[in-house]
Amino acid sequence: MAVVIRLARFGTKHKPKYRVTVADSRRYVTGKFIEVVGHYIPKVGVQKESLNVDHAKIDSWIKKGAQPTDRVKHLLKKASQSVSN
């Protein structure tokens, strides 16, 4: 089973919100998932972008062999830079 860490969209029309999920790569993006490891709300209007992730869970899944998608890699890199600043 190939496990990936990816974004699953939820929310309403024109107000997207995403869950950072760990899921089987063969499943539909918004279908069944193994675990939710965070939330991402992109910048919409005057609202600030927010990213809440559990870095310990993500690290443990990566050690188990889960592959983050390109977008999730970018978000995690951005989050780690904002924490260090």
Protein backbone atom coordinates (compact mmCIF):
# COMPACT_ATOMS: atom_id res chain seq x y z
CA MET A 1 0.00 0.00 0.00
CA ALA A 2 1.45 3.37 -1.04
CA VAL A 3 0.71 5.99 1.59
CA VAL A 4 0.72 9.71 0.79
CA ILE A 5 0.33 12.91 2.77
CA ARG A 6 -1.95 15.21 0.78
CA LEU A 7 -4.55 17.95 0.94
CA ALA A 8 -8.26 17.14 0.93
CA ARG A 9 -10.56 20.06 0.16
CA PHE A 10 -13.64 20.83 2.21
CA GLY A 11 -15.50 24.05 2.98
CA THR A 12 -17.94 25.96 0.86
CA LYS A 13 -17.90 27.43 -2.60
CA HIS A 14 -15.33 30.27 -2.87
CA LYS A 15 -14.16 29.62 0.73
CA PRO A 16 -11.79 26.66 0.47
CA LYS A 17 -10.34 24.87 3.47
CA TYR A 18 -8.08 21.87 3.34
CA ARG A 19 -7.27 18.98 5.65
CA VAL A 20 -3.73 17.63 5.58
CA THR A 21 -4.44 13.90 5.50
CA VAL A 22 -2.52 10.64 5.41
CA ALA A 23 -4.21 8.30 2.95
CA ASP A 24 -3.76 5.36 0.60
CA SER A 25 -2.71 6.79 -2.78
CA ARG A 26 -5.29 4.66 -4.59
CA ARG A 27 -8.20 6.30 -2.73
CA TYR A 28 -10.12 9.31 -4.00
CA VAL A 29 -8.68 12.58 -2.66
CA THR A 30 -11.68 13.44 -0.47
CA GLY A 31 -12.51 9.81 0.28
CA LYS A 32 -11.33 7.57 3.09
CA PHE A 33 -8.16 8.56 4.86
CA ILE A 34 -6.01 7.06 7.62
CA GLU A 35 -5.44 10.16 9.74
CA VAL A 36 -5.86 13.94 9.71
CA VAL A 37 -2.56 15.58 10.66
CA GLY A 38 -3.44 19.23 10.12
CA HIS A 39 -5.53 21.97 8.53
CA TYR A 40 -4.73 24.62 5.93
CA ILE A 41 -6.81 27.69 5.14
CA PRO A 42 -5.43 29.71 2.20
CA LYS A 43 -5.52 33.50 2.08
CA VAL A 44 -8.99 34.63 1.07
CA GLY A 45 -9.77 38.35 0.95
CA VAL A 46 -8.54 40.08 4.11
CA GLN A 47 -8.23 36.83 6.08
CA LYS A 48 -4.66 35.65 6.72
CA GLU A 49 -3.41 32.29 5.55
CA SER A 50 -3.22 29.72 8.35
CA LEU A 51 -1.55 26.34 8.60
CA ASN A 52 -1.88 24.09 11.64
CA VAL A 53 -0.03 20.77 11.46
CA ASP A 54 1.20 18.22 13.95
CA HIS A 55 4.88 17.96 13.00
CA ALA A 56 5.45 14.92 15.23
CA LYS A 57 2.75 12.92 13.44
CA ILE A 58 4.00 13.99 10.02
CA ASP A 59 7.58 13.01 10.88
CA SER A 60 6.44 9.61 12.15
CA TRP A 61 4.45 8.97 8.94
CA ILE A 62 7.40 10.00 6.77
CA LYS A 63 9.65 7.59 8.73
CA LYS A 64 7.08 4.86 8.02
CA GLY A 65 7.38 5.58 4.29
CA ALA A 66 4.60 8.06 3.52
CA GLN A 67 5.37 10.43 0.64
CA PRO A 68 4.12 14.04 0.89
CA THR A 69 2.81 15.65 -2.28
CA ASP A 70 4.64 18.63 -3.78
CA ARG A 71 2.14 21.11 -2.35
CA VAL A 72 2.36 19.59 1.13
CA LYS A 73 6.18 19.69 0.96
CA HIS A 74 5.97 23.38 0.08
CA LEU A 75 3.57 24.11 2.96
CA LEU A 76 5.68 22.18 5.49
CA LYS A 77 8.81 24.04 4.39
CA LYS A 78 6.96 27.34 4.71
CA ALA A 79 5.66 26.37 8.17
CA SER A 80 9.11 25.39 9.42
CA GLN A 81 10.55 28.72 8.22
CA SER A 82 7.85 30.70 10.03
CA VAL A 83 8.46 28.75 13.26
CA SER A 84 12.22 29.40 13.17
CA ASN A 85 11.74 33.16 12.58
